[in-house]
N, C-alpha and C. Protein backbone atom coordinates (compact mmCIF):
# COMPACT_ATOMS: atom_id res chain seq x y z
N MET A 1 16.81 -21.04 6.80
CA MET A 1 16.37 -20.40 5.59
C MET A 1 17.19 -19.12 5.44
N PRO A 2 17.66 -18.83 4.24
CA PRO A 2 18.54 -17.68 4.05
C PRO A 2 17.80 -16.35 4.10
N LYS A 3 18.56 -15.31 4.39
CA LYS A 3 17.99 -13.95 4.43
C LYS A 3 17.39 -13.58 3.08
N SER A 4 17.97 -14.07 2.01
CA SER A 4 17.45 -13.76 0.67
C SER A 4 16.00 -14.22 0.52
N HIS A 5 15.64 -15.33 1.18
CA HIS A 5 14.25 -15.79 1.14
C HIS A 5 13.36 -14.82 1.92
N ASP A 6 13.81 -14.45 3.13
CA ASP A 6 13.04 -13.49 3.94
C ASP A 6 12.80 -12.19 3.17
N ASP A 7 13.84 -11.71 2.48
CA ASP A 7 13.75 -10.44 1.77
C ASP A 7 12.67 -10.43 0.69
N LEU A 8 12.32 -11.58 0.15
CA LEU A 8 11.28 -11.67 -0.87
C LEU A 8 9.91 -11.26 -0.33
N PHE A 9 9.76 -11.26 0.98
CA PHE A 9 8.45 -11.06 1.59
C PHE A 9 8.33 -9.73 2.33
N LEU A 10 9.26 -8.81 2.10
CA LEU A 10 9.22 -7.51 2.76
C LEU A 10 8.71 -6.43 1.81
N SER A 11 7.57 -6.72 1.21
CA SER A 11 6.92 -5.78 0.30
C SER A 11 5.42 -6.05 0.32
N ALA A 12 4.71 -5.17 -0.33
CA ALA A 12 3.25 -5.35 -0.41
C ALA A 12 2.92 -6.52 -1.33
N ALA A 13 1.79 -7.13 -1.09
CA ALA A 13 1.33 -8.25 -1.93
C ALA A 13 0.95 -7.76 -3.32
N ASP A 14 1.32 -8.51 -4.32
CA ASP A 14 0.88 -8.24 -5.69
C ASP A 14 -0.30 -9.16 -5.94
N GLU A 15 -1.47 -8.64 -5.68
CA GLU A 15 -2.68 -9.46 -5.78
C GLU A 15 -2.98 -9.85 -7.23
N ASN A 16 -2.39 -9.14 -8.19
CA ASN A 16 -2.58 -9.48 -9.61
C ASN A 16 -1.98 -10.83 -9.95
N ILE A 17 -0.96 -11.27 -9.19
CA ILE A 17 -0.35 -12.58 -9.45
C ILE A 17 -0.75 -13.61 -8.40
N GLY A 18 -1.69 -13.24 -7.53
CA GLY A 18 -2.22 -14.19 -6.57
C GLY A 18 -1.65 -14.10 -5.16
N GLU A 19 -0.71 -13.16 -4.92
CA GLU A 19 -0.18 -13.01 -3.56
C GLU A 19 -1.27 -12.43 -2.66
N ARG A 20 -1.19 -12.74 -1.38
CA ARG A 20 -2.18 -12.24 -0.42
C ARG A 20 -1.49 -11.36 0.62
N PRO A 21 -2.20 -10.32 1.09
CA PRO A 21 -1.64 -9.49 2.16
C PRO A 21 -1.69 -10.22 3.50
N CYS A 22 -0.89 -9.75 4.43
CA CYS A 22 -0.84 -10.26 5.80
C CYS A 22 -2.25 -10.38 6.38
N VAL A 23 -2.48 -11.44 7.10
CA VAL A 23 -3.78 -11.66 7.71
C VAL A 23 -4.16 -10.54 8.69
N ASN A 24 -3.18 -9.80 9.18
CA ASN A 24 -3.46 -8.70 10.12
C ASN A 24 -3.97 -7.44 9.43
N GLY A 25 -3.96 -7.41 8.11
CA GLY A 25 -4.52 -6.29 7.36
C GLY A 25 -3.92 -4.95 7.77
N ASP A 26 -4.80 -3.98 8.07
CA ASP A 26 -4.34 -2.64 8.44
C ASP A 26 -3.54 -2.63 9.74
N ARG A 27 -3.63 -3.70 10.51
CA ARG A 27 -2.89 -3.78 11.78
C ARG A 27 -1.52 -4.44 11.60
N CYS A 28 -1.11 -4.66 10.36
CA CYS A 28 0.19 -5.24 10.04
C CYS A 28 1.30 -4.31 10.56
N LEU A 29 2.35 -4.88 11.08
CA LEU A 29 3.44 -4.08 11.62
C LEU A 29 4.11 -3.19 10.58
N ALA A 30 4.08 -3.56 9.32
CA ALA A 30 4.66 -2.71 8.28
C ALA A 30 3.94 -1.36 8.25
N ASN A 31 2.62 -1.36 8.36
CA ASN A 31 1.85 -0.12 8.42
C ASN A 31 2.25 0.71 9.63
N PHE A 32 2.32 0.06 10.77
CA PHE A 32 2.64 0.73 12.03
C PHE A 32 4.03 1.37 11.97
N MET A 33 5.01 0.63 11.45
CA MET A 33 6.37 1.15 11.38
C MET A 33 6.46 2.37 10.47
N ALA A 34 5.75 2.36 9.35
CA ALA A 34 5.75 3.51 8.44
C ALA A 34 5.08 4.72 9.11
N GLN A 35 4.02 4.48 9.86
CA GLN A 35 3.34 5.58 10.54
C GLN A 35 4.21 6.17 11.64
N LEU A 36 4.99 5.34 12.30
CA LEU A 36 5.93 5.85 13.31
C LEU A 36 6.98 6.75 12.67
N ARG A 37 7.48 6.32 11.53
CA ARG A 37 8.55 7.07 10.88
C ARG A 37 8.06 8.30 10.13
N TYR A 38 6.96 8.16 9.39
CA TYR A 38 6.52 9.24 8.50
C TYR A 38 5.27 9.97 8.96
N GLY A 39 4.61 9.51 10.01
CA GLY A 39 3.40 10.15 10.50
C GLY A 39 2.17 9.33 10.18
N VAL A 40 1.13 9.57 10.92
CA VAL A 40 -0.09 8.77 10.84
C VAL A 40 -0.73 8.81 9.46
N ASP A 41 -0.67 9.93 8.77
CA ASP A 41 -1.34 10.08 7.48
C ASP A 41 -0.43 9.78 6.29
N THR A 42 0.67 9.08 6.52
CA THR A 42 1.61 8.81 5.44
C THR A 42 1.05 7.94 4.33
N LYS A 43 1.51 8.18 3.13
CA LYS A 43 1.16 7.32 2.00
C LYS A 43 2.23 6.25 1.80
N MET A 44 3.24 6.22 2.68
CA MET A 44 4.33 5.25 2.60
C MET A 44 3.95 3.92 3.26
N ALA A 45 2.88 3.90 4.04
CA ALA A 45 2.48 2.69 4.77
C ALA A 45 1.90 1.65 3.81
N PHE A 46 2.14 0.39 4.11
CA PHE A 46 1.58 -0.71 3.32
C PHE A 46 1.48 -1.94 4.20
N THR A 47 0.68 -2.89 3.77
CA THR A 47 0.56 -4.18 4.43
C THR A 47 1.45 -5.16 3.68
N CYS A 48 2.36 -5.83 4.40
CA CYS A 48 3.26 -6.80 3.77
C CYS A 48 2.48 -8.00 3.25
N LYS A 49 3.10 -8.71 2.31
CA LYS A 49 2.51 -9.95 1.81
C LYS A 49 2.71 -11.06 2.84
N GLU A 50 1.86 -12.05 2.81
CA GLU A 50 1.99 -13.16 3.75
C GLU A 50 3.32 -13.89 3.53
N PHE A 51 3.89 -14.38 4.61
CA PHE A 51 5.17 -15.07 4.55
C PHE A 51 4.94 -16.54 4.25
N LEU A 52 5.66 -17.04 3.24
CA LEU A 52 5.57 -18.44 2.86
C LEU A 52 6.90 -19.13 3.15
N LEU A 53 6.84 -20.33 3.66
CA LEU A 53 8.03 -21.14 3.83
C LEU A 53 8.57 -21.50 2.45
N PRO A 54 9.85 -21.85 2.34
CA PRO A 54 10.40 -22.15 1.02
C PRO A 54 9.60 -23.19 0.22
N THR A 55 9.12 -24.23 0.87
CA THR A 55 8.33 -25.25 0.15
C THR A 55 7.00 -24.67 -0.32
N GLU A 56 6.38 -23.83 0.50
CA GLU A 56 5.12 -23.19 0.12
C GLU A 56 5.34 -22.22 -1.04
N TYR A 57 6.45 -21.50 -0.99
CA TYR A 57 6.76 -20.54 -2.05
C TYR A 57 7.03 -21.26 -3.36
N ALA A 58 7.78 -22.35 -3.30
CA ALA A 58 8.06 -23.13 -4.52
C ALA A 58 6.75 -23.65 -5.12
N SER A 59 5.86 -24.12 -4.28
CA SER A 59 4.56 -24.61 -4.74
C SER A 59 3.75 -23.49 -5.40
N PHE A 60 3.77 -22.30 -4.80
CA PHE A 60 3.08 -21.14 -5.37
C PHE A 60 3.65 -20.79 -6.74
N LYS A 61 4.97 -20.76 -6.85
CA LYS A 61 5.63 -20.42 -8.12
C LYS A 61 5.33 -21.46 -9.20
N GLU A 62 5.08 -22.70 -8.80
CA GLU A 62 4.74 -23.76 -9.76
C GLU A 62 3.26 -23.73 -10.16
N GLY A 63 2.51 -22.77 -9.60
CA GLY A 63 1.10 -22.65 -9.94
C GLY A 63 0.18 -23.54 -9.14
N LYS A 64 0.67 -24.06 -8.01
CA LYS A 64 -0.14 -24.96 -7.19
C LYS A 64 -0.90 -24.24 -6.08
N GLY A 65 -0.89 -22.92 -6.11
CA GLY A 65 -1.68 -22.15 -5.16
C GLY A 65 -0.97 -21.87 -3.84
N LEU A 66 -1.72 -21.26 -2.96
CA LEU A 66 -1.23 -20.86 -1.64
C LEU A 66 -1.80 -21.78 -0.57
N PRO A 67 -1.23 -21.72 0.64
CA PRO A 67 -1.80 -22.51 1.74
C PRO A 67 -3.28 -22.16 1.93
N GLN A 68 -4.03 -23.11 2.39
CA GLN A 68 -5.47 -22.92 2.54
C GLN A 68 -5.79 -21.73 3.46
N ARG A 69 -5.06 -21.65 4.58
CA ARG A 69 -5.30 -20.56 5.53
C ARG A 69 -4.34 -19.42 5.28
N LYS A 70 -4.87 -18.20 5.24
CA LYS A 70 -4.05 -17.01 5.07
C LYS A 70 -3.16 -16.83 6.30
N LYS A 71 -1.92 -16.35 6.08
CA LYS A 71 -0.94 -16.28 7.15
C LYS A 71 -0.48 -14.85 7.41
N LYS A 72 0.32 -14.70 8.46
CA LYS A 72 0.93 -13.42 8.79
C LYS A 72 2.11 -13.16 7.86
N CYS A 73 2.51 -11.90 7.77
CA CYS A 73 3.72 -11.54 7.04
C CYS A 73 4.94 -11.87 7.90
N LEU A 74 6.11 -11.68 7.34
CA LEU A 74 7.35 -11.96 8.07
C LEU A 74 7.46 -11.11 9.33
N LEU A 75 7.17 -9.82 9.23
CA LEU A 75 7.30 -8.93 10.40
C LEU A 75 6.34 -9.34 11.51
N CYS A 76 5.10 -9.55 11.18
CA CYS A 76 4.11 -9.93 12.19
C CYS A 76 4.41 -11.31 12.76
N SER A 77 4.85 -12.24 11.92
CA SER A 77 5.20 -13.59 12.41
C SER A 77 6.31 -13.52 13.44
N ARG A 78 7.35 -12.78 13.11
CA ARG A 78 8.48 -12.68 14.04
C ARG A 78 8.07 -11.98 15.33
N TYR A 79 7.26 -10.95 15.22
CA TYR A 79 6.79 -10.25 16.42
C TYR A 79 6.01 -11.18 17.33
N PHE A 80 5.08 -11.93 16.77
CA PHE A 80 4.26 -12.83 17.59
C PHE A 80 5.07 -13.98 18.17
N GLN A 81 6.11 -14.44 17.44
CA GLN A 81 6.97 -15.50 17.96
C GLN A 81 7.74 -15.01 19.19
N VAL A 82 8.28 -13.80 19.11
CA VAL A 82 9.07 -13.26 20.21
C VAL A 82 8.15 -12.88 21.38
N ARG A 83 7.01 -12.29 21.08
CA ARG A 83 6.09 -11.86 22.12
C ARG A 83 5.59 -13.03 22.96
N ASN A 84 5.40 -14.18 22.31
CA ASN A 84 4.84 -15.34 23.00
C ASN A 84 5.89 -16.27 23.57
N SER A 85 7.15 -15.88 23.53
CA SER A 85 8.19 -16.78 24.07
C SER A 85 8.62 -16.37 25.46
């Protein structure tokens, strides 16, 4: 899968269009990384949107909804993959 696909998921979820935030919520790595860089009380922190595979993303864009189970964002997914290997 190309980097351009990954890049689509490195932002906060737009819940107005049906996107969902990372299943880890406030414990999402995006929040943690912003707090490390800008401080614990930063307003720069956010929870990334859940990461969808290309087929899941195409289905979402066609109006067919999201996977039944909420998923991790790209950052959290990669972290857990490496941590468990």
